[in-house]
Amino acid sequence: MSDNHDLVIDPITHDLEMTSGLDEIAQRIKATLEIRYGEMQRLDPEMGADYSSFLGKNFNKQAAENDMRAAIEANVPEVETVDNIEFIKKPERKMQINFRATANIGEVEGGLQVDN
């Protein structure tokens, strides 16, 4: 998938491009953090990240970091350690979340933007 979540088709073979290795792990971390805990009640009620510590007016950085770290560690087994989680407040009640982690095959990083 592209950064815009579009499927990518190889221009020569016309096959869907597959993501693997560190890119796949980064994509799975991002997907985990994009799902709000409890959002997938029927498919996987334990999937997702708890947004309650940074939604609204009372942002608690330490609690938010702990929640994001727990979601990554619980849902992406290749991650050995979550090395850094950064929160950047954006205009219009948005927040950028950047992550860096060590997986069993190397270091991975990425980010996502969430609406508050």
PDB file of N, CA and C in Angstrom:
ATOM      1  N   MET A   1       0.838  -1.182   0.000  1.00  0.00           N
ATOM      2  CA  MET A   1       0.000   0.000   0.000  1.00  0.00           C
ATOM      3  C   MET A   1       0.880   1.241   0.000  1.00  0.00           C
ATOM      4  N   SER A   2       0.379   2.256  -0.616  1.00  0.00           N
ATOM      5  CA  SER A   2       1.096   3.523  -0.616  1.00  0.00           C
ATOM      6  C   SER A   2       0.831   4.249   0.697  1.00  0.00           C
ATOM      7  N   ASP A   3       1.472   5.396   0.880  1.00  0.00           N
ATOM      8  CA  ASP A   3       1.240   6.196   2.085  1.00  0.00           C
ATOM      9  C   ASP A   3      -0.214   6.642   2.189  1.00  0.00           C
ATOM     10  N   ASN A   4      -0.906   6.686   1.062  1.00  0.00           N
ATOM     11  CA  ASN A   4      -2.315   7.084   1.041  1.00  0.00           C
ATOM     12  C   ASN A   4      -3.254   5.888   1.151  1.00  0.00           C
ATOM     13  N   HIS A   5      -2.697   4.721   1.487  1.00  0.00           N
ATOM     14  CA  HIS A   5      -3.464   3.478   1.643  1.00  0.00           C
ATOM     15  C   HIS A   5      -4.025   2.972   0.319  1.00  0.00           C
ATOM     16  N   ASP A   6      -3.410   3.339  -0.791  1.00  0.00           N
ATOM     17  CA  ASP A   6      -3.806   2.827  -2.093  1.00  0.00           C
ATOM     18  C   ASP A   6      -3.028   1.548  -2.384  1.00  0.00           C
ATOM     19  N   LEU A   7      -3.672   0.613  -3.056  1.00  0.00           N
ATOM     20  CA  LEU A   7      -2.959  -0.579  -3.496  1.00  0.00           C
ATOM     21  C   LEU A   7      -1.976  -0.173  -4.583  1.00  0.00           C
ATOM     22  N   VAL A   8      -0.805  -0.771  -4.565  1.00  0.00           N
ATOM     23  CA  VAL A   8       0.235  -0.449  -5.544  1.00  0.00           C
ATOM     24  C   VAL A   8       0.363  -1.624  -6.505  1.00  0.00           C
ATOM     25  N   ILE A   9       0.256  -1.329  -7.787  1.00  0.00           N
ATOM     26  CA  ILE A   9       0.364  -2.359  -8.820  1.00  0.00           C
ATOM     27  C   ILE A   9       1.674  -2.163  -9.566  1.00  0.00           C
ATOM     28  N   ASP A  10       2.428  -3.246  -9.680  1.00  0.00           N
ATOM     29  CA  ASP A  10       3.697  -3.205 -10.402  1.00  0.00           C
ATOM     30  C   ASP A  10       3.420  -2.849 -11.862  1.00  0.00           C
ATOM     31  N   PRO A  11       4.060  -1.796 -12.385  1.00  0.00           N
ATOM     32  CA  PRO A  11       3.769  -1.357 -13.752  1.00  0.00           C
ATOM     33  C   PRO A  11       4.215  -2.351 -14.828  1.00  0.00           C
ATOM     34  N   ILE A  12       5.125  -3.242 -14.490  1.00  0.00           N
ATOM     35  CA  ILE A  12       5.621  -4.204 -15.480  1.00  0.00           C
ATOM     36  C   ILE A  12       4.821  -5.502 -15.448  1.00  0.00           C
ATOM     37  N   THR A  13       4.661  -6.077 -14.260  1.00  0.00           N
ATOM     38  CA  THR A  13       3.982  -7.376 -14.150  1.00  0.00           C
ATOM     39  C   THR A  13       2.477  -7.244 -13.930  1.00  0.00           C
ATOM     40  N   HIS A  14       2.037  -6.065 -13.522  1.00  0.00           N
ATOM     41  CA  HIS A  14       0.632  -5.785 -13.195  1.00  0.00           C
ATOM     42  C   HIS A  14       0.159  -6.589 -11.984  1.00  0.00           C
ATOM     43  N   ASP A  15       1.097  -7.074 -11.180  1.00  0.00           N
ATOM     44  CA  ASP A  15       0.773  -7.763  -9.936  1.00  0.00           C
ATOM     45  C   ASP A  15       0.716  -6.743  -8.809  1.00  0.00           C
ATOM     46  N   LEU A  16      -0.032  -7.083  -7.771  1.00  0.00           N
ATOM     47  CA  LEU A  16      -0.008  -6.247  -6.575  1.00  0.00           C
ATOM     48  C   LEU A  16       1.364  -6.353  -5.934  1.00  0.00           C
ATOM     49  N   GLU A  17       1.913  -5.220  -5.532  1.00  0.00           N
ATOM     50  CA  GLU A  17       3.193  -5.251  -4.831  1.00  0.00           C
ATOM     51  C   GLU A  17       2.950  -5.674  -3.394  1.00  0.00           C
ATOM     52  N   MET A  18       3.810  -6.525  -2.902  1.00  0.00           N
ATOM     53  CA  MET A  18       3.694  -7.028  -1.541  1.00  0.00           C
ATOM     54  C   MET A  18       4.682  -6.298  -0.641  1.00  0.00           C
ATOM     55  N   THR A  19       4.261  -6.075   0.577  1.00  0.00           N
ATOM     56  CA  THR A  19       5.124  -5.459   1.570  1.00  0.00           C
ATOM     57  C   THR A  19       5.706  -6.570   2.426  1.00  0.00           C
ATOM     58  N   SER A  20       6.996  -6.459   2.762  1.00  0.00           N
ATOM     59  CA  SER A  20       7.617  -7.485   3.594  1.00  0.00           C
ATOM     60  C   SER A  20       8.705  -6.852   4.451  1.00  0.00           C
ATOM     61  N   GLY A  21       9.253  -7.644   5.344  1.00  0.00           N
ATOM     62  CA  GLY A  21      10.363  -7.190   6.176  1.00  0.00           C
ATOM     63  C   GLY A  21       9.990  -6.041   7.090  1.00  0.00           C
ATOM     64  N   LEU A  22      10.900  -5.090   7.220  1.00  0.00           N
ATOM     65  CA  LEU A  22      10.693  -3.958   8.122  1.00  0.00           C
ATOM     66  C   LEU A  22       9.511  -3.097   7.693  1.00  0.00           C
ATOM     67  N   ASP A  23       9.287  -2.969   6.378  1.00  0.00           N
ATOM     68  CA  ASP A  23       8.141  -2.186   5.903  1.00  0.00           C
ATOM     69  C   ASP A  23       6.824  -2.806   6.359  1.00  0.00           C
ATOM     70  N   GLU A  24       6.744  -4.126   6.327  1.00  0.00           N
ATOM     71  CA  GLU A  24       5.528  -4.803   6.775  1.00  0.00           C
ATOM     72  C   GLU A  24       5.312  -4.592   8.274  1.00  0.00           C
ATOM     73  N   ILE A  25       6.370  -4.680   9.054  1.00  0.00           N
ATOM     74  CA  ILE A  25       6.248  -4.483  10.501  1.00  0.00           C
ATOM     75  C   ILE A  25       5.807  -3.053  10.797  1.00  0.00           C
ATOM     76  N   ALA A  26       6.397  -2.075  10.117  1.00  0.00           N
ATOM     77  CA  ALA A  26       5.995  -0.674  10.307  1.00  0.00           C
ATOM     78  C   ALA A  26       4.529  -0.486   9.938  1.00  0.00           C
ATOM     79  N   GLN A  27       4.103  -1.116   8.859  1.00  0.00           N
ATOM     80  CA  GLN A  27       2.713  -1.018   8.421  1.00  0.00           C
ATOM     81  C   GLN A  27       1.773  -1.634   9.458  1.00  0.00           C
ATOM     82  N   ARG A  28       2.167  -2.755  10.053  1.00  0.00           N
ATOM     83  CA  ARG A  28       1.329  -3.399  11.064  1.00  0.00           C
ATOM     84  C   ARG A  28       1.263  -2.581  12.349  1.00  0.00           C
ATOM     85  N   ILE A  29       2.377  -1.933  12.721  1.00  0.00           N
ATOM     86  CA  ILE A  29       2.351  -1.051  13.893  1.00  0.00           C
ATOM     87  C   ILE A  29       1.391   0.100  13.633  1.00  0.00           C
ATOM     88  N   LYS A  30       1.517   0.717  12.470  1.00  0.00           N
ATOM     89  CA  LYS A  30       0.646   1.843  12.123  1.00  0.00           C
ATOM     90  C   LYS A  30      -0.820   1.411  12.123  1.00  0.00           C
ATOM     91  N   ALA A  31      -1.115   0.266  11.523  1.00  0.00           N
ATOM     92  CA  ALA A  31      -2.495  -0.223  11.484  1.00  0.00           C
ATOM     93  C   ALA A  31      -3.021  -0.483  12.895  1.00  0.00           C
ATOM     94  N   THR A  32      -2.184  -1.039  13.757  1.00  0.00           N
ATOM     95  CA  THR A  32      -2.580  -1.282  15.147  1.00  0.00           C
ATOM     96  C   THR A  32      -2.933   0.021  15.846  1.00  0.00           C
ATOM     97  N   LEU A  33      -2.109   1.052  15.654  1.00  0.00           N
ATOM     98  CA  LEU A  33      -2.349   2.327  16.324  1.00  0.00           C
ATOM     99  C   LEU A  33      -3.524   3.090  15.716  1.00  0.00           C
ATOM    100  N   GLU A  34      -3.861   2.820  14.466  1.00  0.00           N
ATOM    101  CA  GLU A  34      -5.001   3.493  13.834  1.00  0.00           C
ATOM    102  C   GLU A  34      -6.339   2.939  14.315  1.00  0.00           C
ATOM    103  N   ILE A  35      -6.335   1.726  14.841  1.00  0.00           N
ATOM    104  CA  ILE A  35      -7.568   1.117  15.339  1.00  0.00           C
ATOM    105  C   ILE A  35      -7.729   1.498  16.804  1.00  0.00           C
ATOM    106  N   ARG A  36      -8.858   2.081  17.131  1.00  0.00           N
ATOM    107  CA  ARG A  36      -9.119   2.427  18.532  1.00  0.00           C
ATOM    108  C   ARG A  36      -9.558   1.173  19.280  1.00  0.00           C
ATOM    109  N   TYR A  37      -9.025   1.013  20.484  1.00  0.00           N
ATOM    110  CA  TYR A  37      -9.320  -0.165  21.293  1.00  0.00           C
ATOM    111  C   TYR A  37     -10.832  -0.344  21.409  1.00  0.00           C
ATOM    112  N   GLY A  38     -11.310  -1.550  21.125  1.00  0.00           N
ATOM    113  CA  GLY A  38     -12.733  -1.851  21.198  1.00  0.00           C
ATOM    114  C   GLY A  38     -13.488  -1.565  19.915  1.00  0.00           C
ATOM    115  N   GLU A  39     -12.843  -0.941  18.941  1.00  0.00           N
ATOM    116  CA  GLU A  39     -13.508  -0.588  17.685  1.00  0.00           C
ATOM    117  C   GLU A  39     -13.902  -1.827  16.882  1.00  0.00           C
ATOM    118  N   MET A  40     -13.134  -2.879  16.974  1.00  0.00           N
ATOM    119  CA  MET A  40     -13.406  -4.097  16.212  1.00  0.00           C
ATOM    120  C   MET A  40     -14.029  -5.152  17.124  1.00  0.00           C
ATOM    121  N   GLN A  41     -15.104  -4.784  17.772  1.00  0.00           N
ATOM    122  CA  GLN A  41     -15.726  -5.598  18.806  1.00  0.00           C
ATOM    123  C   GLN A  41     -16.025  -7.024  18.346  1.00  0.00           C
ATOM    124  N   ARG A  42     -16.506  -7.198  17.137  1.00  0.00           N
ATOM    125  CA  ARG A  42     -16.890  -8.537  16.681  1.00  0.00           C
ATOM    126  C   ARG A  42     -15.716  -9.325  16.112  1.00  0.00           C
ATOM    127  N   LEU A  43     -14.754  -8.653  15.496  1.00  0.00           N
ATOM    128  CA  LEU A  43     -13.633  -9.357  14.872  1.00  0.00           C
ATOM    129  C   LEU A  43     -12.511  -9.664  15.851  1.00  0.00           C
ATOM    130  N   ASP A  44     -12.104  -8.651  16.607  1.00  0.00           N
ATOM    131  CA  ASP A  44     -10.996  -8.821  17.554  1.00  0.00           C
ATOM    132  C   ASP A  44     -11.099  -7.730  18.612  1.00  0.00           C
ATOM    133  N   PRO A  45     -11.863  -7.967  19.669  1.00  0.00           N
ATOM    134  CA  PRO A  45     -12.123  -6.917  20.659  1.00  0.00           C
ATOM    135  C   PRO A  45     -10.881  -6.416  21.397  1.00  0.00           C
ATOM    136  N   GLU A  46      -9.802  -7.182  21.397  1.00  0.00           N
ATOM    137  CA  GLU A  46      -8.578  -6.765  22.084  1.00  0.00           C
ATOM    138  C   GLU A  46      -7.632  -5.980  21.174  1.00  0.00           C
ATOM    139  N   MET A  47      -7.968  -5.834  19.908  1.00  0.00           N
ATOM    140  CA  MET A  47      -7.109  -5.156  18.938  1.00  0.00           C
ATOM    141  C   MET A  47      -7.239  -3.644  19.088  1.00  0.00           C
ATOM    142  N   GLY A  48      -6.139  -2.941  18.857  1.00  0.00           N
ATOM    143  CA  GLY A  48      -6.172  -1.489  18.804  1.00  0.00           C
ATOM    144  C   GLY A  48      -5.479  -0.825  19.968  1.00  0.00           C
ATOM    145  N   ALA A  49      -5.483   0.507  19.907  1.00  0.00           N
ATOM    146  CA  ALA A  49      -4.806   1.337  20.903  1.00  0.00           C
ATOM    147  C   ALA A  49      -5.821   2.146  21.697  1.00  0.00           C
ATOM    148  N   ASP A  50      -5.539   2.331  22.963  1.00  0.00           N
ATOM    149  CA  ASP A  50      -6.401   3.106  23.853  1.00  0.00           C
ATOM    150  C   ASP A  50      -6.082   4.587  23.683  1.00  0.00           C
ATOM    151  N   TYR A  51      -7.017   5.329  23.141  1.00  0.00           N
ATOM    152  CA  TYR A  51      -6.823   6.760  22.887  1.00  0.00           C
ATOM    153  C   TYR A  51      -7.270   7.638  24.055  1.00  0.00           C
ATOM    154  N   SER A  52      -7.823   7.067  25.105  1.00  0.00           N
ATOM    155  CA  SER A  52      -8.437   7.877  26.158  1.00  0.00           C
ATOM    156  C   SER A  52      -7.465   8.817  26.860  1.00  0.00           C
ATOM    157  N   SER A  53      -6.181   8.509  26.875  1.00  0.00           N
ATOM    158  CA  SER A  53      -5.223   9.366  27.586  1.00  0.00           C
ATOM    159  C   SER A  53      -4.783  10.582  26.778  1.00  0.00           C
ATOM    160  N   PHE A  54      -5.141  10.655  25.502  1.00  0.00           N
ATOM    161  CA  PHE A  54      -4.773  11.869  24.775  1.00  0.00           C
ATOM    162  C   PHE A  54      -5.917  12.486  23.980  1.00  0.00           C
ATOM    163  N   LEU A  55      -7.114  11.973  24.125  1.00  0.00           N
ATOM    164  CA  LEU A  55      -8.263  12.641  23.531  1.00  0.00           C
ATOM    165  C   LEU A  55      -8.814  13.648  24.525  1.00  0.00           C
ATOM    166  N   GLY A  56      -9.326  14.731  24.018  1.00  0.00           N
ATOM    167  CA  GLY A  56      -9.881  15.751  24.893  1.00  0.00           C
ATOM    168  C   GLY A  56      -8.828  16.741  25.346  1.00  0.00           C
ATOM    169  N   LYS A  57      -9.118  17.440  26.418  1.00  0.00           N
ATOM    170  CA  LYS A  57      -8.259  18.545  26.862  1.00  0.00           C
ATOM    171  C   LYS A  57      -7.134  18.119  27.792  1.00  0.00           C
ATOM    172  N   ASN A  58      -7.251  16.980  28.428  1.00  0.00           N
ATOM    173  CA  ASN A  58      -6.282  16.584  29.452  1.00  0.00           C
ATOM    174  C   ASN A  58      -5.290  15.561  28.910  1.00  0.00           C
ATOM    175  N   PHE A  59      -4.381  16.013  28.065  1.00  0.00           N
ATOM    176  CA  PHE A  59      -3.381  15.126  27.475  1.00  0.00           C
ATOM    177  C   PHE A  59      -2.399  14.672  28.543  1.00  0.00           C
ATOM    178  N   ASN A  60      -2.252  13.364  28.693  1.00  0.00           N
ATOM    179  CA  ASN A  60      -1.319  12.782  29.646  1.00  0.00           C
ATOM    180  C   ASN A  60      -0.268  12.030  28.838  1.00  0.00           C
ATOM    181  N   LYS A  61       0.876  12.674  28.596  1.00  0.00           N
ATOM    182  CA  LYS A  61       1.907  12.127  27.717  1.00  0.00           C
ATOM    183  C   LYS A  61       2.387  10.754  28.174  1.00  0.00           C
ATOM    184  N   GLN A  62       2.669  10.597  29.457  1.00  0.00           N
ATOM    185  CA  GLN A  62       3.191   9.318  29.950  1.00  0.00           C
ATOM    186  C   GLN A  62       2.169   8.197  29.789  1.00  0.00           C
ATOM    187  N   ALA A  63       0.917   8.479  30.125  1.00  0.00           N
ATOM    188  CA  ALA A  63      -0.128   7.462  29.973  1.00  0.00           C
ATOM    189  C   ALA A  63      -0.349   7.126  28.500  1.00  0.00           C
ATOM    190  N   ALA A  64      -0.334   8.146  27.641  1.00  0.00           N
ATOM    191  CA  ALA A  64      -0.510   7.918  26.201  1.00  0.00           C
ATOM    192  C   ALA A  64       0.630   7.070  25.652  1.00  0.00           C
ATOM    193  N   GLU A  65       1.847   7.385  26.067  1.00  0.00           N
ATOM    194  CA  GLU A  65       3.010   6.611  25.624  1.00  0.00           C
ATOM    195  C   GLU A  65       2.898   5.159  26.084  1.00  0.00           C
ATOM    196  N   ASN A  66       2.504   4.957  27.331  1.00  0.00           N
ATOM    197  CA  ASN A  66       2.337   3.599  27.860  1.00  0.00           C
ATOM    198  C   ASN A  66       1.262   2.831  27.092  1.00  0.00           C
ATOM    199  N   ASP A  67       0.145   3.516  26.765  1.00  0.00           N
ATOM    200  CA  ASP A  67      -0.939   2.873  26.025  1.00  0.00           C
ATOM    201  C   ASP A  67      -0.494   2.467  24.623  1.00  0.00           C
ATOM    202  N   MET A  68       0.223   3.349  23.927  1.00  0.00           N
ATOM    203  CA  MET A  68       0.688   3.046  22.573  1.00  0.00           C
ATOM    204  C   MET A  68       1.719   1.912  22.595  1.00  0.00           C
ATOM    205  N   ARG A  69       2.608   1.967  23.567  1.00  0.00           N
ATOM    206  CA  ARG A  69       3.631   0.929  23.721  1.00  0.00           C
ATOM    207  C   ARG A  69       2.969  -0.437  23.975  1.00  0.00           C
ATOM    208  N   ALA A  70       1.989  -0.471  24.853  1.00  0.00           N
ATOM    209  CA  ALA A  70       1.295  -1.725  25.173  1.00  0.00           C
ATOM    210  C   ALA A  70       0.570  -2.282  23.952  1.00  0.00           C
ATOM    211  N   ALA A  71      -0.052  -1.411  23.164  1.00  0.00           N
ATOM    212  CA  ALA A  71      -0.766  -1.861  21.962  1.00  0.00           C
ATOM    213  C   ALA A  71       0.204  -2.473  20.955  1.00  0.00           C
ATOM    214  N   ILE A  72       1.341  -1.819  20.755  1.00  0.00           N
ATOM    215  CA  ILE A  72       2.339  -2.336  19.811  1.00  0.00           C
ATOM    216  C   ILE A  72       2.866  -3.688  20.286  1.00  0.00           C
ATOM    217  N   GLU A  73       3.264  -3.759  21.549  1.00  0.00           N
ATOM    218  CA  GLU A  73       3.848  -4.995  22.075  1.00  0.00           C
ATOM    219  C   GLU A  73       2.846  -6.152  22.074  1.00  0.00           C
ATOM    220  N   ALA A  74       1.563  -5.858  22.287  1.00  0.00           N
ATOM    221  CA  ALA A  74       0.547  -6.910  22.328  1.00  0.00           C
ATOM    222  C   ALA A  74       0.154  -7.410  20.944  1.00  0.00           C
ATOM    223  N   ASN A  75       0.249  -6.546  19.939  1.00  0.00           N
ATOM    224  CA  ASN A  75      -0.299  -6.889  18.628  1.00  0.00           C
ATOM    225  C   ASN A  75       0.717  -7.108  17.518  1.00  0.00           C
ATOM    226  N   VAL A  76       1.965  -6.779  17.765  1.00  0.00           N
ATOM    227  CA  VAL A  76       3.002  -6.968  16.740  1.00  0.00           C
ATOM    228  C   VAL A  76       4.132  -7.774  17.384  1.00  0.00           C
ATOM    229  N   PRO A  77       4.042  -9.105  17.338  1.00  0.00           N
ATOM    230  CA  PRO A  77       4.980  -9.950  18.076  1.00  0.00           C
ATOM    231  C   PRO A  77       6.440  -9.832  17.638  1.00  0.00           C
ATOM    232  N   GLU A  78       6.699  -9.339  16.431  1.00  0.00           N
ATOM    233  CA  GLU A  78       8.083  -9.181  15.975  1.00  0.00           C
ATOM    234  C   GLU A  78       8.805  -8.042  16.684  1.00  0.00           C
ATOM    235  N   VAL A  79       8.061  -7.154  17.341  1.00  0.00           N
ATOM    236  CA  VAL A  79       8.668  -6.020  18.039  1.00  0.00           C
ATOM    237  C   VAL A  79       9.246  -6.496  19.364  1.00  0.00           C
ATOM    238  N   GLU A  80      10.542  -6.261  19.535  1.00  0.00           N
ATOM    239  CA  GLU A  80      11.220  -6.628  20.778  1.00  0.00           C
ATOM    240  C   GLU A  80      11.162  -5.494  21.788  1.00  0.00           C
ATOM    241  N   THR A  81      11.381  -4.261  21.326  1.00  0.00           N
ATOM    242  CA  THR A  81      11.285  -3.095  22.208  1.00  0.00           C
ATOM    243  C   THR A  81      10.703  -1.923  21.431  1.00  0.00           C
ATOM    244  N   VAL A  82       9.924  -1.102  22.123  1.00  0.00           N
ATOM    245  CA  VAL A  82       9.467   0.168  21.560  1.00  0.00           C
ATOM    246  C   VAL A  82      10.415   1.215  22.117  1.00  0.00           C
ATOM    247  N   ASP A  83      11.231   1.794  21.242  1.00  0.00           N
ATOM    248  CA  ASP A  83      12.313   2.669  21.680  1.00  0.00           C
ATOM    249  C   ASP A  83      11.886   4.116  21.877  1.00  0.00           C
ATOM    250  N   ASN A  84      10.910   4.573  21.106  1.00  0.00           N
ATOM    251  CA  ASN A  84      10.489   5.967  21.231  1.00  0.00           C
ATOM    252  C   ASN A  84       9.081   6.130  20.680  1.00  0.00           C
ATOM    253  N   ILE A  85       8.288   6.917  21.386  1.00  0.00           N
ATOM    254  CA  ILE A  85       6.982   7.340  20.890  1.00  0.00           C
ATOM    255  C   ILE A  85       6.915   8.842  21.108  1.00  0.00           C
ATOM    256  N   GLU A  86       6.587   9.557  20.053  1.00  0.00           N
ATOM    257  CA  GLU A  86       6.569  11.020  20.091  1.00  0.00           C
ATOM    258  C   GLU A  86       5.175  11.502  19.706  1.00  0.00           C
ATOM    259  N   PHE A  87       4.676  12.483  20.441  1.00  0.00           N
ATOM    260  CA  PHE A  87       3.373  13.080  20.163  1.00  0.00           C
ATOM    261  C   PHE A  87       3.588  14.539  19.779  1.00  0.00           C
ATOM    262  N   ILE A  88       3.042  14.940  18.635  1.00  0.00           N
ATOM    263  CA  ILE A  88       3.157  16.321  18.174  1.00  0.00           C
ATOM    264  C   ILE A  88       1.748  16.843  17.939  1.00  0.00           C
ATOM    265  N   LYS A  89       1.353  17.857  18.729  1.00  0.00           N
ATOM    266  CA  LYS A  89       0.032  18.454  18.541  1.00  0.00           C
ATOM    267  C   LYS A  89       0.024  19.243  17.246  1.00  0.00           C
ATOM    268  N   LYS A  90      -1.058  19.073  16.479  1.00  0.00           N
ATOM    269  CA  LYS A  90      -1.236  19.733  15.191  1.00  0.00           C
ATOM    270  C   LYS A  90      -2.464  20.636  15.260  1.00  0.00           C
ATOM    271  N   PRO A  91      -2.587  21.551  14.297  1.00  0.00           N
ATOM    272  CA  PRO A  91      -3.789  22.396  14.259  1.00  0.00           C
ATOM    273  C   PRO A  91      -5.051  21.555  14.059  1.00  0.00           C
ATOM    274  N   GLU A  92      -6.170  22.148  14.382  1.00  0.00           N
ATOM    275  CA  GLU A  92      -7.489  21.543  14.189  1.00  0.00           C
ATOM    276  C   GLU A  92      -7.655  20.238  14.959  1.00  0.00           C
ATOM    277  N   ARG A  93      -7.128  20.204  16.180  1.00  0.00           N
ATOM    278  CA  ARG A  93      -7.295  19.077  17.101  1.00  0.00           C
ATOM    279  C   ARG A  93      -6.793  17.756  16.537  1.00  0.00           C
ATOM    280  N   LYS A  94      -5.688  17.810  15.853  1.00  0.00           N
ATOM    281  CA  LYS A  94      -5.052  16.608  15.321  1.00  0.00           C
ATOM    282  C   LYS A  94      -3.741  16.375  16.065  1.00  0.00           C
ATOM    283  N   MET A  95      -3.275  15.143  16.044  1.00  0.00           N
ATOM    284  CA  MET A  95      -2.013  14.817  16.685  1.00  0.00           C
ATOM    285  C   MET A  95      -1.235  13.849  15.800  1.00  0.00           C
ATOM    286  N   GLN A  96       0.050  14.129  15.652  1.00  0.00           N
ATOM    287  CA  GLN A  96       0.964  13.239  14.937  1.00  0.00           C
ATOM    288  C   GLN A  96       1.611  12.327  15.973  1.00  0.00           C
ATOM    289  N   ILE A  97       1.575  11.027  15.723  1.00  0.00           N
ATOM    290  CA  ILE A  97       2.232  10.059  16.597  1.00  0.00           C
ATOM    291  C   ILE A  97       3.336   9.394  15.784  1.00  0.00           C
ATOM    292  N   ASN A  98       4.569   9.549  16.223  1.00  0.00           N
ATOM    293  CA  ASN A  98       5.712   8.913  15.567  1.00  0.00           C
ATOM    294  C   ASN A  98       6.246   7.818  16.477  1.00  0.00           C
ATOM    295  N   PHE A  99       6.705   6.732  15.887  1.00  0.00           N
ATOM    296  CA  PHE A  99       7.239   5.630  16.682  1.00  0.00           C
ATOM    297  C   PHE A  99       8.553   5.130  16.099  1.00  0.00           C
ATOM    298  N   ARG A 100       9.362   4.579  16.980  1.00  0.00           N
ATOM    299  CA  ARG A 100      10.592   3.882  16.593  1.00  0.00           C
ATOM    300  C   ARG A 100      10.682   2.643  17.477  1.00  0.00           C
ATOM    301  N   ALA A 101      10.926   1.499  16.855  1.00  0.00           N
ATOM    302  CA  ALA A 101      10.963   0.243  17.602  1.00  0.00           C
ATOM    303  C   ALA A 101      12.062  -0.648  17.048  1.00  0.00           C
ATOM    304  N   THR A 102      12.480  -1.583  17.872  1.00  0.00           N
ATOM    305  CA  THR A 102      13.427  -2.599  17.438  1.00  0.00           C
ATOM    306  C   THR A 102      12.657  -3.898  17.264  1.00  0.00           C
ATOM    307  N   ALA A 103      12.698  -4.421  16.046  1.00  0.00           N
ATOM    308  CA  ALA A 103      12.043  -5.692  15.735  1.00  0.00           C
ATOM    309  C   ALA A 103      13.105  -6.780  15.670  1.00  0.00           C
ATOM    310  N   ASN A 104      12.668  -7.999  15.534  1.00  0.00           N
ATOM    311  CA  ASN A 104      13.614  -9.113  15.495  1.00  0.00           C
ATOM    312  C   ASN A 104      14.488  -9.115  14.240  1.00  0.00           C
ATOM    313  N   ILE A 105      14.180  -8.253  13.258  1.00  0.00           N
ATOM    314  CA  ILE A 105      15.010  -8.178  12.048  1.00  0.00           C
ATOM    315  C   ILE A 105      15.625  -6.800  11.838  1.00  0.00           C
ATOM    316  N   GLY A 106      15.457  -5.881  12.795  1.00  0.00           N
ATOM    317  CA  GLY A 106      16.063  -4.559  12.658  1.00  0.00           C
ATOM    318  C   GLY A 106      15.195  -3.459  13.242  1.00  0.00           C
ATOM    319  N   GLU A 107      15.631  -2.224  13.010  1.00  0.00           N
ATOM    320  CA  GLU A 107      14.914  -1.063  13.546  1.00  0.00           C
ATOM    321  C   GLU A 107      13.851  -0.605  12.559  1.00  0.00           C
ATOM    322  N   VAL A 108      12.707  -0.232  13.098  1.00  0.00           N
ATOM    323  CA  VAL A 108      11.572   0.196  12.285  1.00  0.00           C
ATOM    324  C   VAL A 108      11.040   1.506  12.843  1.00  0.00           C
ATOM    325  N   GLU A 109      10.592   2.387  11.950  1.00  0.00           N
ATOM    326  CA  GLU A 109       9.987   3.639  12.403  1.00  0.00           C
ATOM    327  C   GLU A 109       8.883   4.050  11.457  1.00  0.00           C
ATOM    328  N   GLY A 110       8.016   4.897  11.965  1.00  0.00           N
ATOM    329  CA  GLY A 110       6.892   5.377  11.170  1.00  0.00           C
ATOM    330  C   GLY A 110       6.059   6.327  11.989  1.00  0.00           C
ATOM    331  N   GLY A 111       4.877   6.603  11.498  1.00  0.00           N
ATOM    332  CA  GLY A 111       4.001   7.517  12.199  1.00  0.00           C
ATOM    333  C   GLY A 111       2.618   7.544  11.583  1.00  0.00           C
ATOM    334  N   LEU A 112       1.733   8.248  12.269  1.00  0.00           N
ATOM    335  CA  LEU A 112       0.369   8.412  11.800  1.00  0.00           C
ATOM    336  C   LEU A 112      -0.213   9.665  12.421  1.00  0.00           C
ATOM    337  N   GLN A 113      -1.273  10.164  11.822  1.00  0.00           N
ATOM    338  CA  GLN A 113      -1.962  11.330  12.364  1.00  0.00           C
ATOM    339  C   GLN A 113      -3.344  10.895  12.812  1.00  0.00           C
ATOM    340  N   VAL A 114      -3.761  11.345  13.989  1.00  0.00           N
ATOM    341  CA  VAL A 114      -5.085  11.009  14.501  1.00  0.00           C
ATOM    342  C   VAL A 114      -5.850  12.288  14.788  1.00  0.00           C
ATOM    343  N   ASP A 115      -7.170  12.176  14.688  1.00  0.00           N
ATOM    344  CA  ASP A 115      -8.044  13.295  15.029  1.00  0.00           C
ATOM    345  C   ASP A 115      -8.424  13.180  16.488  1.00  0.00           C
ATOM    346  N   ASN A 116      -8.505  14.317  17.140  1.00  0.00           N
ATOM    347  CA  ASN A 116      -8.840  14.337  18.557  1.00  0.00           C
ATOM    348  C   ASN A 116     -10.332  14.452  18.724  1.00  0.00           C
TER     349      ASN A 116
END
